[in-house]
């Protein structure tokens, strides 16, 4: 039978996952909210002219 406590003690996260996590979080990604804010600002600027 599997001893889950022992298996958990042996667990080590994959280095590939940690590397991917760092690269994902270090990037400044534009999401839909950012795009909508930018579009609204552009519309307001064109209306003011």
PDB file of N, CA and C in Angstrom:
ATOM      1  N   UNK A   1       0.836  -1.175   0.000  1.00  0.00           N
ATOM      2  CA  UNK A   1       0.000   0.000   0.000  1.00  0.00           C
ATOM      3  C   UNK A   1       0.890   1.251   0.000  1.00  0.00           C
ATOM      4  N   UNK A   2       0.388   2.329  -0.568  1.00  0.00           N
ATOM      5  CA  UNK A   2       1.145   3.575  -0.675  1.00  0.00           C
ATOM      6  C   UNK A   2       1.037   4.359   0.635  1.00  0.00           C
ATOM      7  N   UNK A   3       2.184   4.787   1.137  1.00  0.00           N
ATOM      8  CA  UNK A   3       2.222   5.635   2.318  1.00  0.00           C
ATOM      9  C   UNK A   3       2.290   7.083   1.838  1.00  0.00           C
ATOM     10  N   UNK A   4       1.154   7.772   1.864  1.00  0.00           N
ATOM     11  CA  UNK A   4       1.071   9.114   1.304  1.00  0.00           C
ATOM     12  C   UNK A   4       1.950  10.108   2.049  1.00  0.00           C
ATOM     13  N   UNK A   5       2.083   9.955   3.345  1.00  0.00           N
ATOM     14  CA  UNK A   5       2.939  10.861   4.121  1.00  0.00           C
ATOM     15  C   UNK A   5       4.387  10.771   3.648  1.00  0.00           C
ATOM     16  N   UNK A   6       4.866   9.562   3.419  1.00  0.00           N
ATOM     17  CA  UNK A   6       6.240   9.372   2.933  1.00  0.00           C
ATOM     18  C   UNK A   6       6.402   9.925   1.526  1.00  0.00           C
ATOM     19  N   UNK A   7       5.421   9.699   0.689  1.00  0.00           N
ATOM     20  CA  UNK A   7       5.484  10.203  -0.683  1.00  0.00           C
ATOM     21  C   UNK A   7       5.489  11.729  -0.709  1.00  0.00           C
ATOM     22  N   UNK A   8       4.711  12.351   0.146  1.00  0.00           N
ATOM     23  CA  UNK A   8       4.694  13.816   0.215  1.00  0.00           C
ATOM     24  C   UNK A   8       6.033  14.376   0.671  1.00  0.00           C
ATOM     25  N   UNK A   9       6.707  13.667   1.556  1.00  0.00           N
ATOM     26  CA  UNK A   9       8.024  14.109   2.011  1.00  0.00           C
ATOM     27  C   UNK A   9       9.035  14.072   0.870  1.00  0.00           C
ATOM     28  N   UNK A  10       8.877  13.130  -0.055  1.00  0.00           N
ATOM     29  CA  UNK A  10       9.809  12.978  -1.178  1.00  0.00           C
ATOM     30  C   UNK A  10       9.506  13.946  -2.323  1.00  0.00           C
ATOM     31  N   UNK A  11       8.339  14.551  -2.306  1.00  0.00           N
ATOM     32  CA  UNK A  11       7.907  15.375  -3.436  1.00  0.00           C
ATOM     33  C   UNK A  11       8.818  16.582  -3.644  1.00  0.00           C
ATOM     34  N   UNK A  12       9.223  16.797  -4.884  1.00  0.00           N
ATOM     35  CA  UNK A  12       9.978  17.982  -5.293  1.00  0.00           C
ATOM     36  C   UNK A  12       9.316  18.527  -6.555  1.00  0.00           C
ATOM     37  N   UNK A  13       8.970  19.824  -6.577  1.00  0.00           N
ATOM     38  CA  UNK A  13       8.339  20.373  -7.780  1.00  0.00           C
ATOM     39  C   UNK A  13       9.272  20.303  -8.987  1.00  0.00           C
ATOM     40  N   UNK A  14       8.680  20.174 -10.126  1.00  0.00           N
ATOM     41  CA  UNK A  14       9.440  20.116 -11.363  1.00  0.00           C
ATOM     42  C   UNK A  14      10.103  21.467 -11.630  1.00  0.00           C
ATOM     43  N   UNK A  15      11.356  21.449 -12.006  1.00  0.00           N
ATOM     44  CA  UNK A  15      12.061  22.691 -12.312  1.00  0.00           C
ATOM     45  C   UNK A  15      11.461  23.382 -13.527  1.00  0.00           C
ATOM     46  N   UNK A  16      10.965  22.597 -14.467  1.00  0.00           N
ATOM     47  CA  UNK A  16      10.374  23.189 -15.656  1.00  0.00           C
ATOM     48  C   UNK A  16       9.163  24.042 -15.301  1.00  0.00           C
ATOM     49  N   UNK A  17       8.362  23.579 -14.375  1.00  0.00           N
ATOM     50  CA  UNK A  17       7.187  24.340 -13.961  1.00  0.00           C
ATOM     51  C   UNK A  17       7.615  25.643 -13.292  1.00  0.00           C
ATOM     52  N   UNK A  18       8.617  25.573 -12.425  1.00  0.00           N
ATOM     53  CA  UNK A  18       9.088  26.793 -11.760  1.00  0.00           C
ATOM     54  C   UNK A  18       9.653  27.782 -12.765  1.00  0.00           C
ATOM     55  N   UNK A  19      10.398  27.298 -13.753  1.00  0.00           N
ATOM     56  CA  UNK A  19      10.943  28.187 -14.778  1.00  0.00           C
ATOM     57  C   UNK A  19       9.825  28.830 -15.589  1.00  0.00           C
ATOM     58  N   UNK A  20       8.840  28.045 -15.939  1.00  0.00           N
ATOM     59  CA  UNK A  20       7.711  28.586 -16.707  1.00  0.00           C
ATOM     60  C   UNK A  20       6.956  29.618 -15.884  1.00  0.00           C
ATOM     61  N   UNK A  21       6.762  29.338 -14.625  1.00  0.00           N
ATOM     62  CA  UNK A  21       6.047  30.265 -13.749  1.00  0.00           C
ATOM     63  C   UNK A  21       6.771  31.602 -13.674  1.00  0.00           C
ATOM     64  N   UNK A  22       8.080  31.582 -13.520  1.00  0.00           N
ATOM     65  CA  UNK A  22       8.853  32.823 -13.441  1.00  0.00           C
ATOM     66  C   UNK A  22       8.731  33.631 -14.724  1.00  0.00           C
ATOM     67  N   UNK A  23       8.826  32.975 -15.860  1.00  0.00           N
ATOM     68  CA  UNK A  23       8.767  33.709 -17.117  1.00  0.00           C
ATOM     69  C   UNK A  23       7.376  34.265 -17.378  1.00  0.00           C
ATOM     70  N   UNK A  24       6.351  33.548 -16.948  1.00  0.00           N
ATOM     71  CA  UNK A  24       4.981  34.037 -17.146  1.00  0.00           C
ATOM     72  C   UNK A  24       4.719  35.244 -16.263  1.00  0.00           C
ATOM     73  N   UNK A  25       5.092  35.149 -14.985  1.00  0.00           N
ATOM     74  CA  UNK A  25       4.822  36.252 -14.067  1.00  0.00           C
ATOM     75  C   UNK A  25       5.708  37.462 -14.328  1.00  0.00           C
ATOM     76  N   UNK A  26       6.847  37.292 -14.951  1.00  0.00           N
ATOM     77  CA  UNK A  26       7.737  38.418 -15.190  1.00  0.00           C
ATOM     78  C   UNK A  26       7.329  39.229 -16.418  1.00  0.00           C
ATOM     79  N   UNK A  27       6.452  38.702 -17.242  1.00  0.00           N
ATOM     80  CA  UNK A  27       6.022  39.422 -18.435  1.00  0.00           C
ATOM     81  C   UNK A  27       4.868  40.352 -18.100  1.00  0.00           C
ATOM     82  N   UNK A  28       4.861  41.492 -18.752  1.00  0.00           N
ATOM     83  CA  UNK A  28       3.760  42.438 -18.595  1.00  0.00           C
ATOM     84  C   UNK A  28       2.767  42.155 -19.714  1.00  0.00           C
ATOM     85  N   UNK A  29       1.749  41.375 -19.410  1.00  0.00           N
ATOM     86  CA  UNK A  29       0.786  40.962 -20.420  1.00  0.00           C
ATOM     87  C   UNK A  29      -0.403  41.907 -20.425  1.00  0.00           C
ATOM     88  N   UNK A  30      -0.865  42.241 -21.610  1.00  0.00           N
ATOM     89  CA  UNK A  30      -2.038  43.086 -21.766  1.00  0.00           C
ATOM     90  C   UNK A  30      -3.272  42.197 -21.761  1.00  0.00           C
ATOM     91  N   UNK A  31      -4.250  42.542 -20.922  1.00  0.00           N
ATOM     92  CA  UNK A  31      -5.480  41.761 -20.905  1.00  0.00           C
ATOM     93  C   UNK A  31      -6.618  42.592 -21.501  1.00  0.00           C
ATOM     94  N   UNK A  32      -7.802  42.021 -21.526  1.00  0.00           N
ATOM     95  CA  UNK A  32      -8.939  42.698 -22.156  1.00  0.00           C
ATOM     96  C   UNK A  32      -9.272  44.015 -21.457  1.00  0.00           C
ATOM     97  N   UNK A  33      -9.146  44.075 -20.154  1.00  0.00           N
ATOM     98  CA  UNK A  33      -9.437  45.322 -19.439  1.00  0.00           C
ATOM     99  C   UNK A  33      -8.478  46.422 -19.885  1.00  0.00           C
ATOM    100  N   UNK A  34      -7.198  46.088 -20.049  1.00  0.00           N
ATOM    101  CA  UNK A  34      -6.216  47.074 -20.524  1.00  0.00           C
ATOM    102  C   UNK A  34      -6.585  47.564 -21.923  1.00  0.00           C
ATOM    103  N   UNK A  35      -6.998  46.643 -22.780  1.00  0.00           N
ATOM    104  CA  UNK A  35      -7.375  47.022 -24.143  1.00  0.00           C
ATOM    105  C   UNK A  35      -8.597  47.935 -24.144  1.00  0.00           C
ATOM    106  N   UNK A  36      -9.579  47.631 -23.321  1.00  0.00           N
ATOM    107  CA  UNK A  36     -10.781  48.471 -23.266  1.00  0.00           C
ATOM    108  C   UNK A  36     -10.461  49.865 -22.747  1.00  0.00           C
ATOM    109  N   UNK A  37      -9.637  49.961 -21.733  1.00  0.00           N
ATOM    110  CA  UNK A  37      -9.244  51.275 -21.196  1.00  0.00           C
ATOM    111  C   UNK A  37      -8.527  52.078 -22.275  1.00  0.00           C
ATOM    112  N   UNK A  38      -7.615  51.437 -22.983  1.00  0.00           N
ATOM    113  CA  UNK A  38      -6.875  52.119 -24.041  1.00  0.00           C
ATOM    114  C   UNK A  38      -7.822  52.601 -25.156  1.00  0.00           C
ATOM    115  N   UNK A  39      -8.783  51.752 -25.526  1.00  0.00           N
ATOM    116  CA  UNK A  39      -9.734  52.136 -26.571  1.00  0.00           C
ATOM    117  C   UNK A  39     -10.598  53.311 -26.119  1.00  0.00           C
ATOM    118  N   UNK A  40     -11.059  53.301 -24.871  1.00  0.00           N
ATOM    119  CA  UNK A  40     -11.866  54.406 -24.359  1.00  0.00           C
ATOM    120  C   UNK A  40     -11.071  55.702 -24.314  1.00  0.00           C
ATOM    121  N   UNK A  41      -9.810  55.633 -23.938  1.00  0.00           N
ATOM    122  CA  UNK A  41      -8.966  56.825 -23.923  1.00  0.00           C
ATOM    123  C   UNK A  41      -8.804  57.385 -25.328  1.00  0.00           C
ATOM    124  N   UNK A  42      -8.617  56.519 -26.305  1.00  0.00           N
ATOM    125  CA  UNK A  42      -8.466  56.977 -27.682  1.00  0.00           C
ATOM    126  C   UNK A  42      -9.747  57.624 -28.192  1.00  0.00           C
ATOM    127  N   UNK A  43     -10.884  57.054 -27.850  1.00  0.00           N
ATOM    128  CA  UNK A  43     -12.170  57.630 -28.275  1.00  0.00           C
ATOM    129  C   UNK A  43     -12.361  59.002 -27.639  1.00  0.00           C
ATOM    130  N   UNK A  44     -12.048  59.125 -26.357  1.00  0.00           N
ATOM    131  CA  UNK A  44     -12.184  60.411 -25.681  1.00  0.00           C
ATOM    132  C   UNK A  44     -11.258  61.456 -26.282  1.00  0.00           C
ATOM    133  N   UNK A  45     -10.044  61.056 -26.637  1.00  0.00           N
ATOM    134  CA  UNK A  45      -9.097  61.985 -27.244  1.00  0.00           C
ATOM    135  C   UNK A  45      -9.585  62.458 -28.601  1.00  0.00           C
ATOM    136  N   UNK A  46     -10.172  61.585 -29.392  1.00  0.00           N
ATOM    137  CA  UNK A  46     -10.656  61.993 -30.705  1.00  0.00           C
ATOM    138  C   UNK A  46     -11.893  62.854 -30.591  1.00  0.00           C
ATOM    139  N   UNK A  47     -12.712  62.648 -29.560  1.00  0.00           N
ATOM    140  CA  UNK A  47     -13.901  63.469 -29.357  1.00  0.00           C
ATOM    141  C   UNK A  47     -13.546  64.873 -28.898  1.00  0.00           C
ATOM    142  N   UNK A  48     -12.442  65.005 -28.160  1.00  0.00           N
ATOM    143  CA  UNK A  48     -12.015  66.305 -27.653  1.00  0.00           C
ATOM    144  C   UNK A  48     -11.449  67.183 -28.753  1.00  0.00           C
ATOM    145  N   UNK A  49     -10.986  66.589 -29.829  1.00  0.00           N
ATOM    146  CA  UNK A  49     -10.351  67.380 -30.905  1.00  0.00           C
ATOM    147  C   UNK A  49     -11.353  68.020 -31.763  1.00  0.00           C
TER     148      UNK A  49
END
